[in-house]
Protein backbone atom coordinates (compact mmCIF):
# COMPACT_ATOMS: atom_id res chain seq x y z
CA UNK A 1 -13.74 -31.96 -3.11
CA UNK A 2 -12.33 -28.26 -2.03
CA UNK A 3 -12.43 -29.00 1.59
CA UNK A 4 -10.77 -32.42 1.60
CA UNK A 5 -6.77 -30.34 0.52
CA UNK A 6 -5.05 -28.02 2.18
CA UNK A 7 -3.58 -25.09 0.43
CA UNK A 8 0.22 -24.69 0.89
CA UNK A 9 1.61 -20.99 -0.25
CA UNK A 10 4.78 -19.76 -0.12
CA UNK A 11 6.07 -16.08 -1.74
CA UNK A 12 9.24 -14.47 -3.11
CA UNK A 13 8.70 -10.95 -3.24
CA UNK A 14 10.97 -8.74 -4.92
CA UNK A 15 11.76 -5.20 -3.39
CA UNK A 16 12.78 -2.39 -5.31
CA UNK A 17 14.98 -0.14 -2.80
CA UNK A 18 14.80 3.51 -2.50
CA UNK A 19 18.12 4.37 -3.10
CA UNK A 20 19.00 7.35 -5.74
CA UNK A 21 21.43 5.48 -7.71
CA UNK A 22 21.44 1.58 -9.02
CA UNK A 23 23.29 -1.13 -7.23
CA UNK A 24 26.44 -1.59 -9.14
CA UNK A 25 26.83 2.16 -11.58
CA UNK A 26 25.53 4.99 -10.77
CA UNK A 27 22.79 6.15 -12.72
CA UNK A 28 19.30 7.11 -11.66
CA UNK A 29 16.58 4.82 -10.13
CA UNK A 30 13.96 7.41 -10.63
CA UNK A 31 10.74 5.91 -12.15
CA UNK A 32 8.95 6.67 -15.26
CA UNK A 33 11.91 8.51 -17.49
CA UNK A 34 12.24 8.55 -20.81
CA UNK A 35 13.27 5.02 -21.95
CA UNK A 36 16.53 4.02 -22.17
CA UNK A 37 17.92 7.41 -20.70
CA UNK A 38 18.73 5.69 -17.04
CA UNK A 39 21.75 3.82 -18.17
CA UNK A 40 25.26 3.04 -18.13
CA UNK A 41 27.89 0.55 -19.95
CA UNK A 42 27.85 -1.21 -16.53
CA UNK A 43 23.84 -1.46 -16.40
CA UNK A 44 23.59 -2.42 -20.03
CA UNK A 45 26.41 -5.27 -19.66
CA UNK A 46 29.14 -3.91 -21.99
CA UNK A 47 32.15 -5.57 -22.36
CA UNK A 48 34.91 -4.62 -19.61
CA UNK A 49 32.83 -2.87 -17.21
CA UNK A 50 33.15 -3.58 -13.91
CA UNK A 51 30.37 -3.32 -10.67
CA UNK A 52 30.46 -1.15 -7.69
CA UNK A 53 28.48 -2.08 -5.06
CA UNK A 54 26.27 0.43 -3.93
CA UNK A 55 26.59 0.44 0.08
CA UNK A 56 23.32 2.18 0.77
CA UNK A 57 22.04 -1.35 -0.74
CA UNK A 58 23.59 -3.08 1.51
CA UNK A 59 22.61 -1.04 4.84
CA UNK A 60 18.63 -1.17 3.50
CA UNK A 61 18.77 -5.00 3.33
CA UNK A 62 20.47 -5.26 6.79
CA UNK A 63 17.76 -3.09 8.25
CA UNK A 64 15.12 -5.04 6.77
CA UNK A 65 16.67 -7.78 8.10
CA UNK A 66 17.00 -7.28 11.29
CA UNK A 67 12.98 -5.78 11.40
CA UNK A 68 12.13 -9.05 10.16
CA UNK A 69 13.74 -11.11 12.61
CA UNK A 70 16.54 -12.30 10.37
CA UNK A 71 20.23 -13.53 11.18
CA UNK A 72 22.90 -11.11 9.51
CA UNK A 73 25.27 -13.15 8.14
CA UNK A 74 29.28 -11.68 8.62
CA UNK A 75 30.23 -13.03 5.44
CA UNK A 76 28.41 -13.58 1.77
CA UNK A 77 28.99 -13.01 -1.85
CA UNK A 78 27.03 -12.18 -5.13
CA UNK A 79 26.57 -15.09 -7.87
CA UNK A 80 25.39 -15.06 -11.35
CA UNK A 81 22.37 -16.32 -12.31
CA UNK A 82 22.76 -16.99 -15.95
CA UNK A 83 19.70 -16.65 -18.33
CA UNK A 84 19.30 -15.25 -22.03
CA UNK A 85 16.11 -13.16 -22.00
CA UNK A 86 16.22 -9.81 -24.20
CA UNK A 87 15.49 -7.17 -20.96
CA UNK A 88 18.53 -9.24 -19.24
CA UNK A 89 21.46 -7.17 -20.93
CA UNK A 90 24.47 -8.98 -19.61
CA UNK A 91 22.80 -12.22 -19.92
CA UNK A 92 23.07 -13.02 -16.67
CA UNK A 93 22.01 -11.54 -13.15
CA UNK A 94 23.34 -10.60 -10.60
CA UNK A 95 21.88 -12.02 -6.96
CA UNK A 96 23.06 -14.20 -4.03
CA UNK A 97 22.25 -17.75 -4.10
CA UNK A 98 24.97 -19.70 -1.73
CA UNK A 99 25.66 -17.43 0.88
CA UNK A 100 22.88 -14.66 0.85
CA UNK A 101 22.73 -11.78 3.27
CA UNK A 102 19.92 -12.60 5.78
CA UNK A 103 18.59 -15.97 6.90
CA UNK A 104 15.89 -17.43 9.25
CA UNK A 105 13.77 -14.77 10.52
CA UNK A 106 9.88 -14.22 10.65
CA UNK A 107 6.97 -11.74 10.89
CA UNK A 108 3.37 -11.83 12.91
CA UNK A 109 0.68 -11.86 10.87
CA UNK A 110 -3.10 -11.44 12.16
CA UNK A 111 -5.87 -12.89 10.05
CA UNK A 112 -9.54 -13.62 11.77
CA UNK A 113 -8.18 -17.03 12.53
CA UNK A 114 -6.06 -14.86 14.59
CA UNK A 115 -2.11 -14.66 15.18
CA UNK A 116 0.42 -16.48 13.13
CA UNK A 117 4.18 -16.94 12.37
CA UNK A 118 5.36 -16.87 9.01
CA UNK A 119 9.35 -17.88 8.55
CA UNK A 120 11.46 -16.05 6.25
CA UNK A 121 13.70 -18.23 4.64
CA UNK A 122 16.21 -15.86 3.80
CA UNK A 123 16.42 -12.07 2.00
CA UNK A 124 19.29 -11.40 -0.56
CA UNK A 125 20.06 -8.39 -2.55
CA UNK A 126 20.31 -8.61 -6.25
CA UNK A 127 19.48 -6.38 -9.39
CA UNK A 128 16.42 -5.94 -11.40
CA UNK A 129 16.04 -6.62 -15.20
CA UNK A 130 14.70 -4.25 -17.98
CA UNK A 131 11.32 -4.22 -18.93
CA UNK A 132 9.68 -5.46 -22.17
CA UNK A 133 6.82 -3.72 -24.25
CA UNK A 134 5.37 -6.04 -26.43
CA UNK A 135 3.71 -3.79 -29.79
CA UNK A 136 -0.49 -4.87 -29.41
CA UNK A 137 0.03 -6.05 -33.36
CA UNK A 138 2.40 -8.75 -32.09
CA UNK A 139 4.81 -8.03 -34.37
CA UNK A 140 7.72 -6.74 -32.21
CA UNK A 141 8.81 -6.08 -28.31
CA UNK A 142 10.80 -2.72 -27.12
CA UNK A 143 13.08 -3.14 -24.64
CA UNK A 144 13.67 -0.46 -21.73
CA UNK A 145 17.12 -0.44 -19.84
CA UNK A 146 15.82 2.20 -17.42
CA UNK A 147 15.30 -0.45 -14.97
CA UNK A 148 17.97 -2.83 -15.57
CA UNK A 149 20.36 -2.71 -12.52
CA UNK A 150 18.00 -0.99 -9.78
CA UNK A 151 18.76 -2.37 -6.14
CA UNK A 152 16.34 -5.52 -5.19
CA UNK A 153 15.82 -7.32 -2.51
CA UNK A 154 13.82 -10.70 -2.75
CA UNK A 155 12.43 -12.06 0.62
CA UNK A 156 11.71 -16.14 0.18
CA UNK A 157 8.67 -17.22 2.56
CA UNK A 158 9.02 -20.51 4.26
CA UNK A 159 5.95 -22.65 2.73
CA UNK A 160 4.02 -22.11 5.75
CA UNK A 161 0.70 -20.19 4.57
CA UNK A 162 -2.83 -21.64 4.15
CA UNK A 163 -5.14 -19.22 2.15
CA UNK A 164 -4.94 -15.87 0.13
CA UNK A 165 -5.57 -14.39 3.16
CA UNK A 166 -2.83 -15.29 5.07
CA UNK A 167 -0.63 -14.48 1.85
CA UNK A 168 -1.90 -11.08 1.70
CA UNK A 169 -1.32 -10.49 5.48
CA UNK A 170 2.13 -11.20 5.08
CA UNK A 171 2.33 -9.50 2.33
CA UNK A 172 0.62 -6.01 3.84
CA UNK A 173 2.78 -6.60 6.97
CA UNK A 174 5.65 -6.56 4.96
CA UNK A 175 4.97 -3.38 3.19
CA UNK A 176 4.17 -1.30 6.25
CA UNK A 177 7.40 -2.43 7.71
CA UNK A 178 9.48 -1.58 4.61
CA UNK A 179 8.04 1.90 3.93
CA UNK A 180 8.45 2.60 7.79
CA UNK A 181 12.22 2.02 7.46
CA UNK A 182 12.48 4.02 4.49
CA UNK A 183 14.10 1.19 2.49
CA UNK A 184 11.25 1.28 -0.54
CA UNK A 185 7.69 2.99 -1.33
CA UNK A 186 6.57 -0.36 -2.03
CA UNK A 187 4.35 0.87 -4.87
CA UNK A 188 3.33 -2.18 -6.20
CA UNK A 189 1.19 -0.20 -9.58
CA UNK A 190 4.79 0.64 -10.37
CA UNK A 191 6.66 -2.45 -9.77
CA UNK A 192 8.69 -1.78 -6.65
CA UNK A 193 7.57 -4.32 -4.74
CA UNK A 194 5.93 -7.73 -6.53
CA UNK A 195 5.20 -11.58 -5.51
CA UNK A 196 5.41 -14.90 -7.34
CA UNK A 197 3.23 -17.16 -6.11
CA UNK A 198 4.35 -20.82 -5.45
CA UNK A 199 1.41 -23.21 -4.69
CA UNK A 200 0.50 -26.76 -4.08
CA UNK A 201 -2.28 -28.55 -2.59
CA UNK A 202 -2.24 -31.79 -0.62
CA UNK A 203 -4.93 -34.12 1.19
CA UNK A 204 -5.67 -32.76 4.32
CA UNK A 205 -3.51 -34.13 7.42
CA UNK A 206 -1.09 -35.10 5.02
CA UNK A 207 2.94 -33.98 5.82
CA UNK A 208 4.13 -34.38 2.34
CA UNK A 209 3.57 -31.94 -0.40
CA UNK A 210 1.99 -31.75 -3.18
CA UNK A 211 3.55 -30.26 -6.90
CA UNK A 212 3.99 -26.51 -6.90
CA UNK A 213 3.55 -23.81 -9.48
CA UNK A 214 5.05 -20.67 -9.66
CA UNK A 215 3.06 -17.69 -10.42
CA UNK A 216 5.40 -14.83 -11.43
CA UNK A 217 5.35 -11.34 -11.08
CA UNK A 218 1.80 -10.65 -9.67
CA UNK A 219 1.75 -6.50 -8.56
CA UNK A 220 -1.46 -6.15 -6.98
CA UNK A 221 -3.17 -7.73 -3.54
CA UNK A 222 -6.13 -8.58 -5.65
CA UNK A 223 -4.62 -10.37 -8.47
CA UNK A 224 -2.83 -12.13 -5.68
CA UNK A 225 -5.74 -13.00 -4.08
CA UNK A 226 -7.27 -14.41 -7.57
CA UNK A 227 -4.20 -16.09 -8.22
CA UNK A 228 -4.14 -18.21 -4.94
CA UNK A 229 -7.89 -19.10 -5.42
CA UNK A 230 -7.65 -19.93 -8.86
CA UNK A 231 -4.84 -22.09 -9.36
CA UNK A 232 -5.76 -23.83 -5.97
CA UNK A 233 -9.10 -24.84 -7.63
CA UNK A 234 -7.31 -25.39 -10.74
CA UNK A 235 -5.13 -28.06 -9.18
CA UNK A 236 -7.53 -29.49 -6.73
CA UNK A 237 -9.64 -30.10 -10.18
CA UNK A 238 -6.27 -32.16 -11.65
CA UNK A 239 -6.14 -34.32 -8.22
CA UNK A 240 -10.13 -35.09 -8.49
CA UNK A 241 -9.82 -36.01 -12.09
CA UNK A 242 -6.98 -38.67 -11.55
CA UNK A 243 -4.86 -35.96 -13.48
CA UNK A 244 -1.17 -34.76 -11.86
CA UNK A 245 0.60 -31.17 -11.24
CA UNK A 246 2.98 -30.45 -13.74
CA UNK A 247 6.15 -28.79 -12.14
CA UNK A 248 5.85 -25.16 -14.11
CA UNK A 249 5.76 -21.21 -14.04
CA UNK A 250 2.56 -19.80 -14.63
CA UNK A 251 1.33 -16.74 -15.80
CA UNK A 252 -1.91 -15.48 -14.32
CA UNK A 253 -4.37 -13.71 -16.54
CA UNK A 254 -6.44 -11.32 -14.73
CA UNK A 255 -8.67 -10.08 -17.22
CA UNK A 256 -9.71 -14.43 -17.56
CA UNK A 257 -9.03 -14.89 -14.26
CA UNK A 258 -7.09 -18.40 -14.64
CA UNK A 259 -3.18 -19.03 -15.54
CA UNK A 260 -1.63 -20.38 -18.19
CA UNK A 261 1.64 -22.33 -18.54
CA UNK A 262 4.76 -20.70 -19.00
CA UNK A 263 7.86 -23.06 -19.03
CA UNK A 264 8.63 -26.43 -17.55
CA UNK A 265 10.37 -24.82 -13.87
CA UNK A 266 13.66 -24.47 -13.29
CA UNK A 267 15.61 -25.67 -10.99
CA UNK A 268 19.18 -23.91 -9.51
CA UNK A 269 21.60 -26.00 -12.18
CA UNK A 270 19.48 -24.48 -14.72
CA UNK A 271 20.72 -21.09 -14.04
CA UNK A 272 24.23 -21.97 -13.88
CA UNK A 273 24.86 -20.37 -10.51
CA UNK A 274 28.77 -19.60 -9.97
CA UNK A 275 29.94 -16.85 -7.69
CA UNK A 276 30.67 -13.67 -9.98
CA UNK A 277 34.42 -13.17 -10.26
CA UNK A 278 33.93 -9.30 -10.53
CA UNK A 279 32.42 -8.65 -7.34
CA UNK A 280 34.09 -8.51 -4.16
CA UNK A 281 32.80 -10.62 -1.08
CA UNK A 282 30.36 -8.54 1.37
CA UNK A 283 31.57 -8.55 5.09
CA UNK A 284 29.54 -7.19 7.47
CA UNK A 285 30.93 -6.14 10.94
CA UNK A 286 28.97 -5.97 14.19
CA UNK A 287 29.53 -2.70 14.39
CA UNK A 288 27.54 -1.95 11.21
CA UNK A 289 24.73 -3.87 12.47
CA UNK A 290 24.71 -2.10 15.53
CA UNK A 291 24.57 0.91 14.05
CA UNK A 292 21.85 0.13 12.01
CA UNK A 293 20.10 -1.53 14.87
CA UNK A 294 20.15 1.83 16.98
CA UNK A 295 18.82 3.93 13.64
CA UNK A 296 15.79 1.79 13.14
CA UNK A 297 12.49 4.13 13.25
CA UNK A 298 9.21 2.97 15.64
CA UNK A 299 7.89 0.48 13.41
CA UNK A 300 3.95 0.20 13.64
CA UNK A 301 3.44 -2.64 16.64
CA UNK A 302 5.61 0.39 18.55
CA UNK A 303 3.35 3.07 16.77
CA UNK A 304 -0.23 1.41 17.71
CA UNK A 305 0.91 1.07 21.29
CA UNK A 306 2.02 4.71 22.09
CA UNK A 307 -1.15 6.00 19.96
CA UNK A 308 -2.90 4.15 22.45
CA UNK A 309 -1.43 5.59 25.19
CA UNK A 310 -1.02 9.50 24.11
CA UNK A 311 -4.09 10.20 21.40
CA UNK A 312 -6.67 7.41 23.28
CA UNK A 313 -7.88 6.79 19.48
CA UNK A 314 -10.02 3.35 18.78
CA UNK A 315 -8.11 0.54 17.73
CA UNK A 316 -9.88 0.43 14.59
CA UNK A 317 -8.35 3.92 14.40
CA UNK A 318 -5.01 3.10 15.31
CA UNK A 319 -5.16 0.04 12.97
CA UNK A 320 -6.14 1.75 9.78
CA UNK A 321 -3.75 5.05 10.44
CA UNK A 322 -0.46 3.10 11.27
CA UNK A 323 -0.73 0.87 8.13
CA UNK A 324 0.14 3.77 5.92
CA UNK A 325 3.44 5.30 6.67
CA UNK A 326 2.69 8.07 5.73
CA UNK A 327 -0.92 8.23 6.57
CA UNK A 328 0.60 8.67 10.14
CA UNK A 329 2.77 11.18 9.09
CA UNK A 330 0.47 13.36 8.11
CA UNK A 331 -1.41 12.54 11.57
CA UNK A 332 1.18 12.89 13.64
CA UNK A 333 2.32 15.98 12.52
CA UNK A 334 -1.42 17.81 12.14
CA UNK A 335 -1.86 16.45 15.82
CA UNK A 336 1.19 18.30 16.66
CA UNK A 337 -0.67 21.66 15.16
CA UNK A 338 -3.82 21.72 16.28
CA UNK A 339 -4.64 19.26 19.35
CA UNK A 340 -7.54 17.37 18.13
CA UNK A 341 -5.94 13.79 17.46
CA UNK A 342 -10.07 12.23 17.31
CA UNK A 343 -10.84 15.04 14.56
CA UNK A 344 -7.60 14.47 12.68
CA UNK A 345 -8.23 10.52 12.59
CA UNK A 346 -11.88 11.23 11.22
CA UNK A 347 -10.80 13.54 8.36
CA UNK A 348 -8.70 10.84 7.18
CA UNK A 349 -10.56 7.89 7.93
CA UNK A 350 -13.34 9.12 6.33
CA UNK A 351 -12.98 12.03 3.52
CA UNK A 352 -9.00 11.23 2.54
CA UNK A 353 -9.71 7.61 2.54
CA UNK A 354 -12.62 7.74 0.56
CA UNK A 355 -10.82 9.84 -2.35
CA UNK A 356 -8.06 7.84 -2.20
CA UNK A 357 -10.44 4.57 -2.94
CA UNK A 358 -12.42 6.89 -5.81
CA UNK A 359 -9.37 8.64 -7.65
CA UNK A 360 -7.46 4.77 -7.28
CA UNK A 361 -4.92 6.56 -5.62
CA UNK A 362 -1.74 5.29 -3.45
CA UNK A 363 -1.14 6.64 0.69
CA UNK A 364 1.80 7.94 -0.82
CA UNK A 365 0.49 10.17 -3.40
CA UNK A 366 -1.67 12.66 -0.37
CA UNK A 367 -0.45 16.22 -0.99
CA UNK A 368 -2.39 18.57 0.99
CA UNK A 369 -0.20 20.02 3.98
CA UNK A 370 -0.76 18.48 7.96
CA UNK A 371 -1.21 22.74 8.15
CA UNK A 372 -3.74 23.02 5.77
CA UNK A 373 -5.75 20.23 7.41
CA UNK A 374 -5.22 21.81 10.85
CA UNK A 375 -6.38 24.90 9.32
CA UNK A 376 -10.13 23.21 7.92
CA UNK A 377 -10.61 21.55 11.18
CA UNK A 378 -9.67 25.05 13.18
CA UNK A 379 -12.61 26.28 10.77
CA UNK A 380 -15.19 24.45 11.26
CA UNK A 381 -14.00 24.32 15.35
CA UNK A 382 -14.50 27.77 15.39
CA UNK A 383 -17.48 27.87 12.98
CA UNK A 384 -16.40 29.69 10.46
CA UNK A 385 -17.75 27.73 7.78
CA UNK A 386 -19.87 24.51 8.60
CA UNK A 387 -19.19 20.75 8.33
CA UNK A 388 -20.58 20.94 4.89
CA UNK A 389 -18.88 22.95 3.31
CA UNK A 390 -15.46 22.13 4.85
CA UNK A 391 -15.80 18.62 3.05
CA UNK A 392 -16.16 21.03 -0.07
CA UNK A 393 -13.00 23.11 0.78
CA UNK A 394 -11.58 19.60 1.53
CA UNK A 395 -11.99 17.59 -1.85
CA UNK A 396 -10.01 20.88 -3.66
CA UNK A 397 -7.52 20.89 -1.00
CA UNK A 398 -6.73 17.04 -1.82
CA UNK A 399 -6.54 18.20 -5.46
CA UNK A 400 -4.38 21.47 -5.01
CA UNK A 401 -3.73 21.66 -1.10
CA UNK A 402 -5.36 24.95 -1.31
CA UNK A 403 -4.99 27.58 1.66
CA UNK A 404 -8.47 26.46 3.57
CA UNK A 405 -8.96 30.21 4.97
CA UNK A 406 -8.03 32.21 2.02
CA UNK A 407 -10.15 29.90 -0.25
CA UNK A 408 -12.84 30.47 2.12
CA UNK A 409 -12.27 34.36 2.41
CA UNK A 410 -12.04 34.89 -1.24
CA UNK A 411 -15.12 32.65 -2.13
CA UNK A 412 -17.40 33.74 0.60
CA UNK A 413 -18.10 30.85 2.34
CA UNK A 414 -18.06 31.89 5.94
CA UNK A 415 -21.39 30.42 7.72
CA UNK A 416 -23.91 32.87 7.65
CA UNK A 417 -25.00 34.45 11.13
CA UNK A 418 -27.38 37.10 9.79
CA UNK A 419 -30.68 36.30 11.79
CA UNK A 420 -32.92 38.18 9.44
CA UNK A 421 -31.51 36.20 6.97
CA UNK A 422 -31.73 32.50 8.71
CA UNK A 423 -35.22 33.60 9.50
CA UNK A 424 -36.71 34.12 5.85
CA UNK A 425 -34.56 30.69 4.88
CA UNK A 426 -36.62 28.92 7.51
CA UNK A 427 -39.88 30.27 6.89
CA UNK A 428 -40.08 30.18 3.27
CA UNK A 429 -38.95 26.15 3.58
CA UNK A 430 -41.98 25.86 6.07
CA UNK A 431 -44.26 27.34 3.44
CA UNK A 432 -43.18 25.56 0.61
CA UNK A 433 -43.19 21.73 3.20
CA UNK A 434 -47.25 22.08 4.64
CA UNK A 435 -46.92 18.16 5.07
CA UNK A 436 -43.52 18.06 6.83
CA UNK A 437 -44.80 20.58 8.69
CA UNK A 438 -48.01 18.52 9.68
CA UNK A 439 -46.08 15.63 10.50
CA UNK A 440 -43.98 17.20 12.82
CA UNK A 441 -47.10 19.11 14.55
CA UNK A 442 -48.72 15.22 14.64
CA UNK A 443 -45.46 13.87 16.80
CA UNK A 444 -43.56 12.91 13.87
CA UNK A 445 -39.89 13.52 15.57
CA UNK A 446 -37.92 13.03 12.30
CA UNK A 447 -39.83 15.57 9.91
CA UNK A 448 -37.93 18.22 11.37
CA UNK A 449 -34.95 16.56 10.04
CA UNK A 450 -35.98 16.99 6.45
CA UNK A 451 -37.14 20.76 6.93
CA UNK A 452 -33.34 21.29 8.64
CA UNK A 453 -32.10 19.76 5.89
CA UNK A 454 -34.54 22.06 2.65
CA UNK A 455 -32.98 25.24 5.19
CA UNK A 456 -29.70 24.00 4.76
CA UNK A 457 -29.60 23.34 0.73
CA UNK A 458 -31.63 26.74 0.49
CA UNK A 459 -28.77 28.10 2.20
CA UNK A 460 -26.01 26.51 0.17
CA UNK A 461 -24.40 24.93 3.16
CA UNK A 462 -23.27 28.00 4.97
CA UNK A 463 -25.58 27.83 8.03
CA UNK A 464 -25.19 26.61 11.34
CA UNK A 465 -28.14 23.39 11.48
CA UNK A 466 -27.69 24.02 15.53
CA UNK A 467 -28.77 27.37 15.01
CA UNK A 468 -31.28 26.35 11.67
CA UNK A 469 -33.07 23.45 14.06
CA UNK A 470 -33.37 26.17 16.67
CA UNK A 471 -35.42 28.80 14.77
CA UNK A 472 -37.72 26.20 13.01
CA UNK A 473 -38.59 24.81 16.60
CA UNK A 474 -39.73 28.21 17.40
CA UNK A 475 -41.74 29.36 13.96
CA UNK A 476 -43.31 25.20 13.98
CA UNK A 477 -44.77 25.75 17.77
CA UNK A 478 -45.83 29.83 16.68
CA UNK A 479 -49.79 30.02 16.32
CA UNK A 480 -48.82 32.39 13.26
CA UNK A 481 -47.15 29.69 11.16
CA UNK A 482 -49.84 28.21 8.55
């Protein structure tokens, strides 16, 4: 039975760093370039070329290590991981096996079960491979080496997670921390953050690990969660039927919600690691570590505490806003302009997150400026426009970052204050809805809400609903109505 088994999960998280150039050459790391244009003899593995370490890669890796409570090695070096595959132009990957840069760290996660510490075994620097594009007819595969040589850090957790929920909490913590550091955008849809899931099951209460499988390069939280649940169920079914779990690498098929074997699981000896002869060992000084530590930005835990002190927002608001660095940046810049923290929070957590979800966008893709959001809030506060009109304007602002004040003026969207026009609209609505008028006069207070809505609709949202309600009450108590 599933309840008799415990799931054991460890993650290997690959993060592309936000350097302008690759780890060992001067080629661009920009995403989405024309195939094979961000390449040179070094990153395409031409004979006789020599790699040179990008200093910023080291700085970013140290920053992530410090933020995840790792010990930073004062001496580390690069190794060659040998394997033959079309997306690997050198037929080896430069990585770190024997002496990685960071070890023995941890992050704290929050789940429905409470707070838990997840250990980090190591963080090491390495280079990314290219990318294969498989022909739909199955006749050939094409390779783009633009990604080859893009700098990576690989964050290897301890097998401390026991559920998909814990795995996602760990990844969310890492993503937020790394984004706050500016070390990567961590866009999973662009492959700048990917995870391999190592999973095994064992009888509840046992201290002996079961045989694990590895599922490679999962690039969405949804896929990771489904893969964990699917592979857990598959392994339990094998054990329940008297079969054994094979040590292997598997591919998760999101469409079929199942995994398929790719190859037997390799060990370090299969890759024939040896120290890279072209790269000097890296010596990290105490002065460099201290400099990077002092330059670390305010991370999420500190930001959450400050928001509680300075803005007195509800904990729920703070948790959502600080979960996305770009969202937090917009919040702070907008509040600095309009001094309305709760109003800004409402717009970000309401309309902004709604549109991001509808359009399947990442918070990093938000384009409207804090100045324009503050301007929209000011228009509503001064009753220049109604909240209904504001939402319509915001949708355009979300798409094109329009100036809300200019757009409202040019489109004639200001709130109607002409009392005669309001009176006329109210009278027409009353005449058209005799049943609601009768309901109101019979004590059904909700009926006036319907009449307010009908009047606002007739006024295309350009009327003050409070004033509309006042006029309605006057008219409905008048002996001359109906």
